[in-house]
């Protein structure tokens, strides 16, 4: 029989990526080096606000290793994530600060990312903002101005802030397993921030635990989302 071979695309607009964690790239232990398996990378935790600024005004850029690795191998890097209602620095960023103080802290976080990485190819601007997905979402919502006229003004504000600092980056809204759960809420959210003027370029559908999802159900949900949003989609964090 003919040997079947798969290879990563040489087209710069296509990639097959993965996450990495614990500040490492090449796994070792007989596993092929990362760049021979993938041509895109997203740090799982190292670029989250809580990892970088756990102590206020002290910055641990553990994502440098991942960023520099991607740059040296000329493949795409995604920053994950600017705004998330989890893994933010809750030891000091909490309701003890006023709304104004919290907004200034978020603005400073965005500025520090811009100062550190002048250009980022891709950014998860907001992660998992559907109401019940993260306990910290109400805090983030209040800090960024609340729901406002659209109900999602706080998300629009986050994208506007990212767009001002990273006008040439692909700006993404990412959420959890929308192929199986909260599909309609997800569509409504992305439509609202897009139509509200947010500079959103794409959306990400996290794909945790899809091994129990029937193929026909996956195809139906994917088609529903794509037909409703008509924007570039990234299938992210597929495992198990």
Protein backbone atom coordinates (compact mmCIF):
# COMPACT_ATOMS: atom_id res chain seq x y z
CA UNK A 1 0.00 0.00 0.00
CA UNK A 2 1.05 3.58 -0.57
CA UNK A 3 2.52 5.32 2.43
CA UNK A 4 0.35 8.20 3.59
CA UNK A 5 2.16 11.31 4.75
CA UNK A 6 0.84 14.47 6.34
CA UNK A 7 2.82 17.67 6.40
CA UNK A 8 2.35 21.17 7.68
CA UNK A 9 1.28 23.69 5.09
CA UNK A 10 3.93 26.01 3.67
CA UNK A 11 1.15 28.53 3.05
CA UNK A 12 1.69 31.32 5.62
CA UNK A 13 -2.09 31.78 5.90
CA UNK A 14 -2.60 28.20 7.05
CA UNK A 15 -1.29 26.49 10.12
CA UNK A 16 -1.77 23.58 12.48
CA UNK A 17 -1.06 24.72 16.00
CA UNK A 18 -1.07 23.66 19.61
CA UNK A 19 -0.62 25.02 23.11
CA UNK A 20 2.39 24.74 25.33
CA UNK A 21 2.74 25.24 29.04
CA UNK A 22 5.20 25.33 31.94
CA UNK A 23 7.33 27.75 29.91
CA UNK A 24 8.55 24.90 27.68
CA UNK A 25 8.50 24.29 23.97
CA UNK A 26 10.26 21.04 23.06
CA UNK A 27 8.89 18.26 25.26
CA UNK A 28 11.87 15.92 25.11
CA UNK A 29 11.59 12.28 26.13
CA UNK A 30 11.64 11.10 22.54
CA UNK A 31 8.88 13.46 21.37
CA UNK A 32 9.81 15.25 18.11
CA UNK A 33 10.73 18.90 18.51
CA UNK A 34 7.73 21.23 18.44
CA UNK A 35 8.39 22.93 15.11
CA UNK A 36 8.38 19.57 13.31
CA UNK A 37 4.86 18.86 14.56
CA UNK A 38 3.24 22.30 14.53
CA UNK A 39 3.60 25.71 12.91
CA UNK A 40 1.58 27.81 15.34
CA UNK A 41 1.68 28.11 19.14
CA UNK A 42 -0.42 29.53 21.97
CA UNK A 43 0.83 29.65 25.56
CA UNK A 44 -1.79 27.96 27.72
CA UNK A 45 -1.14 30.01 30.86
CA UNK A 46 2.06 32.03 30.60
CA UNK A 47 0.54 35.10 28.94
CA UNK A 48 -2.56 35.32 31.11
CA UNK A 49 -2.77 38.41 33.28
CA UNK A 50 -2.63 36.48 36.54
CA UNK A 51 0.59 34.75 35.45
CA UNK A 52 2.26 37.95 34.26
CA UNK A 53 1.24 40.46 36.96
CA UNK A 54 0.43 38.35 40.01
CA UNK A 55 2.10 41.09 42.05
CA UNK A 56 0.96 44.54 41.01
CA UNK A 57 3.45 46.42 38.80
CA UNK A 58 5.82 43.42 38.78
CA UNK A 59 5.86 41.55 35.47
CA UNK A 60 6.86 37.96 34.80
CA UNK A 61 6.94 37.51 31.03
CA UNK A 62 7.25 33.74 31.05
CA UNK A 63 5.67 33.77 27.60
CA UNK A 64 8.93 35.19 26.19
CA UNK A 65 10.26 31.70 25.62
CA UNK A 66 7.23 30.75 23.52
CA UNK A 67 7.14 34.07 21.65
CA UNK A 68 10.84 33.90 20.76
CA UNK A 69 10.60 30.24 19.72
CA UNK A 70 7.77 31.05 17.32
CA UNK A 71 9.68 34.02 15.93
CA UNK A 72 12.85 31.99 15.41
CA UNK A 73 10.93 29.33 13.47
CA UNK A 74 8.83 31.85 11.53
CA UNK A 75 5.45 30.59 12.60
CA UNK A 76 2.39 32.21 14.09
CA UNK A 77 2.10 33.11 17.77
CA UNK A 78 -1.18 33.82 19.56
CA UNK A 79 -1.35 35.85 22.77
CA UNK A 80 -3.88 34.33 25.18
CA UNK A 81 -5.62 36.32 26.66
CA UNK A 82 -6.06 40.02 27.45
CA UNK A 83 -9.42 39.85 29.24
CA UNK A 84 -10.65 36.75 31.05
CA UNK A 85 -12.85 36.31 34.10
CA UNK A 86 -10.41 33.72 35.45
CA UNK A 87 -6.66 33.68 36.07
CA UNK A 88 -6.56 37.43 36.46
CA UNK A 89 -4.49 38.77 39.43
CA UNK A 90 -7.31 38.48 41.97
CA UNK A 91 -5.01 39.03 44.95
CA UNK A 92 -5.08 42.73 44.12
CA UNK A 93 -7.50 43.17 41.21
CA UNK A 94 -10.81 42.76 43.00
CA UNK A 95 -13.82 44.62 44.40
CA UNK A 96 -11.60 46.36 46.95
CA UNK A 97 -10.60 48.63 44.06
CA UNK A 98 -13.06 51.15 42.68
CA UNK A 99 -14.42 50.70 39.16
CA UNK A 100 -12.18 53.53 37.99
CA UNK A 101 -9.11 51.98 39.63
CA UNK A 102 -9.89 48.63 38.02
CA UNK A 103 -10.29 50.21 34.59
CA UNK A 104 -6.95 51.98 34.97
CA UNK A 105 -5.37 48.64 35.95
CA UNK A 106 -6.78 46.91 32.84
CA UNK A 107 -5.64 49.80 30.67
CA UNK A 108 -2.16 49.54 32.17
CA UNK A 109 -2.13 45.78 31.50
CA UNK A 110 -2.94 46.40 27.84
CA UNK A 111 -0.22 49.06 27.71
CA UNK A 112 2.36 46.75 29.26
CA UNK A 113 1.59 44.03 26.70
CA UNK A 114 1.98 46.61 23.91
CA UNK A 115 5.25 47.86 25.40
CA UNK A 116 6.60 44.32 25.68
CA UNK A 117 5.38 42.98 22.32
CA UNK A 118 5.02 45.76 19.80
CA UNK A 119 3.35 43.39 17.35
CA UNK A 120 1.46 40.18 18.05
CA UNK A 121 0.19 38.18 15.06
CA UNK A 122 -2.96 36.98 16.86
CA UNK A 123 -4.60 37.92 20.16
CA UNK A 124 -7.44 36.36 22.13
CA UNK A 125 -8.74 39.75 23.22
CA UNK A 126 -11.55 38.29 25.34
CA UNK A 127 -11.92 34.73 26.55
CA UNK A 128 -15.08 32.99 27.80
CA UNK A 129 -17.38 35.96 28.41
CA UNK A 130 -20.69 34.10 28.22
CA UNK A 131 -22.28 34.91 31.58
CA UNK A 132 -21.97 31.62 33.41
CA UNK A 133 -18.59 30.56 32.07
CA UNK A 134 -16.32 32.36 34.53
CA UNK A 135 -16.93 33.63 38.05
CA UNK A 136 -15.00 36.84 37.40
CA UNK A 137 -17.05 37.94 34.37
CA UNK A 138 -19.30 40.33 36.38
CA UNK A 139 -16.19 42.00 37.82
CA UNK A 140 -14.64 42.39 34.37
CA UNK A 141 -17.93 43.61 32.94
CA UNK A 142 -18.28 46.30 35.60
CA UNK A 143 -14.63 47.31 35.26
CA UNK A 144 -14.95 47.90 31.52
CA UNK A 145 -18.13 49.96 31.64
CA UNK A 146 -20.95 47.43 31.94
CA UNK A 147 -23.43 46.16 29.39
CA UNK A 148 -24.57 49.55 28.15
CA UNK A 149 -26.80 49.98 25.14
CA UNK A 150 -25.84 46.73 23.42
CA UNK A 151 -25.61 44.60 26.55
CA UNK A 152 -22.04 43.89 25.50
CA UNK A 153 -20.48 47.36 25.63
CA UNK A 154 -17.75 46.11 27.96
CA UNK A 155 -16.59 43.62 25.33
CA UNK A 156 -16.70 46.25 22.61
CA UNK A 157 -14.56 48.45 24.85
CA UNK A 158 -11.99 45.67 25.30
CA UNK A 159 -11.73 45.20 21.53
CA UNK A 160 -11.47 48.94 20.95
CA UNK A 161 -8.63 49.12 23.46
CA UNK A 162 -6.88 46.20 21.76
CA UNK A 163 -7.44 47.66 18.31
CA UNK A 164 -5.89 50.98 19.31
CA UNK A 165 -2.73 49.22 20.49
CA UNK A 166 -2.56 46.37 17.98
CA UNK A 167 -4.12 47.63 14.72
CA UNK A 168 -2.33 45.00 12.63
CA UNK A 169 -3.10 41.97 14.78
CA UNK A 170 -5.87 39.43 14.24
CA UNK A 171 -8.23 40.17 17.15
CA UNK A 172 -10.25 37.19 18.35
CA UNK A 173 -13.14 36.45 20.68
CA UNK A 174 -12.74 32.93 22.10
CA UNK A 175 -15.19 30.78 24.06
CA UNK A 176 -15.66 27.31 25.48
CA UNK A 177 -17.04 24.39 23.46
CA UNK A 178 -19.66 26.32 21.59
CA UNK A 179 -20.08 23.38 19.22
CA UNK A 180 -22.06 21.60 21.96
CA UNK A 181 -23.13 24.20 24.53
CA UNK A 182 -24.32 27.83 24.55
CA UNK A 183 -24.26 27.94 20.76
CA UNK A 184 -27.05 30.50 20.42
CA UNK A 185 -25.64 32.70 23.21
CA UNK A 186 -22.25 32.56 21.53
CA UNK A 187 -23.65 33.62 18.17
CA UNK A 188 -25.63 36.46 19.76
CA UNK A 189 -22.58 37.70 21.65
CA UNK A 190 -20.25 37.75 18.63
CA UNK A 191 -22.90 39.33 16.41
CA UNK A 192 -23.57 42.04 19.01
CA UNK A 193 -19.95 43.08 19.45
CA UNK A 194 -19.24 42.92 15.73
CA UNK A 195 -22.33 44.92 14.80
CA UNK A 196 -21.63 47.29 17.69
CA UNK A 197 -18.42 48.36 16.00
CA UNK A 198 -15.81 46.24 17.79
CA UNK A 199 -12.71 45.65 15.64
CA UNK A 200 -13.11 41.87 15.83
CA UNK A 201 -11.44 39.87 13.07
CA UNK A 202 -12.26 36.28 13.99
CA UNK A 203 -13.82 34.02 16.56
CA UNK A 204 -12.42 30.97 18.30
CA UNK A 205 -14.40 27.88 19.26
CA UNK A 206 -12.63 25.97 22.01
CA UNK A 207 -13.00 22.27 21.42
CA UNK A 208 -12.45 20.60 24.77
CA UNK A 209 -14.03 17.16 25.22
CA UNK A 210 -15.37 16.79 21.69
CA UNK A 211 -14.61 13.09 21.51
CA UNK A 212 -18.18 12.32 22.60
CA UNK A 213 -19.70 14.68 20.01
CA UNK A 214 -21.26 12.89 17.05
CA UNK A 215 -19.86 13.99 13.70
CA UNK A 216 -23.27 14.98 12.35
CA UNK A 217 -23.92 17.13 15.43
CA UNK A 218 -20.53 18.80 15.10
CA UNK A 219 -21.06 19.56 11.42
CA UNK A 220 -24.53 20.93 12.07
CA UNK A 221 -23.34 23.21 14.87
CA UNK A 222 -20.29 24.40 12.95
CA UNK A 223 -22.42 25.22 9.91
CA UNK A 224 -24.93 27.08 12.07
CA UNK A 225 -22.21 29.23 13.63
CA UNK A 226 -20.44 29.94 10.35
CA UNK A 227 -23.65 30.81 8.50
CA UNK A 228 -24.68 33.18 11.28
CA UNK A 229 -21.34 34.95 11.73
CA UNK A 230 -19.68 34.79 8.29
CA UNK A 231 -16.25 35.49 9.78
CA UNK A 232 -12.99 33.56 10.02
CA UNK A 233 -13.18 30.80 12.63
CA UNK A 234 -10.42 29.07 14.60
CA UNK A 235 -11.01 25.67 16.19
CA UNK A 236 -8.91 25.98 19.33
CA UNK A 237 -7.79 23.74 22.19
CA UNK A 238 -8.95 20.43 20.79
CA UNK A 239 -8.04 17.50 23.00
CA UNK A 240 -9.24 14.28 24.61
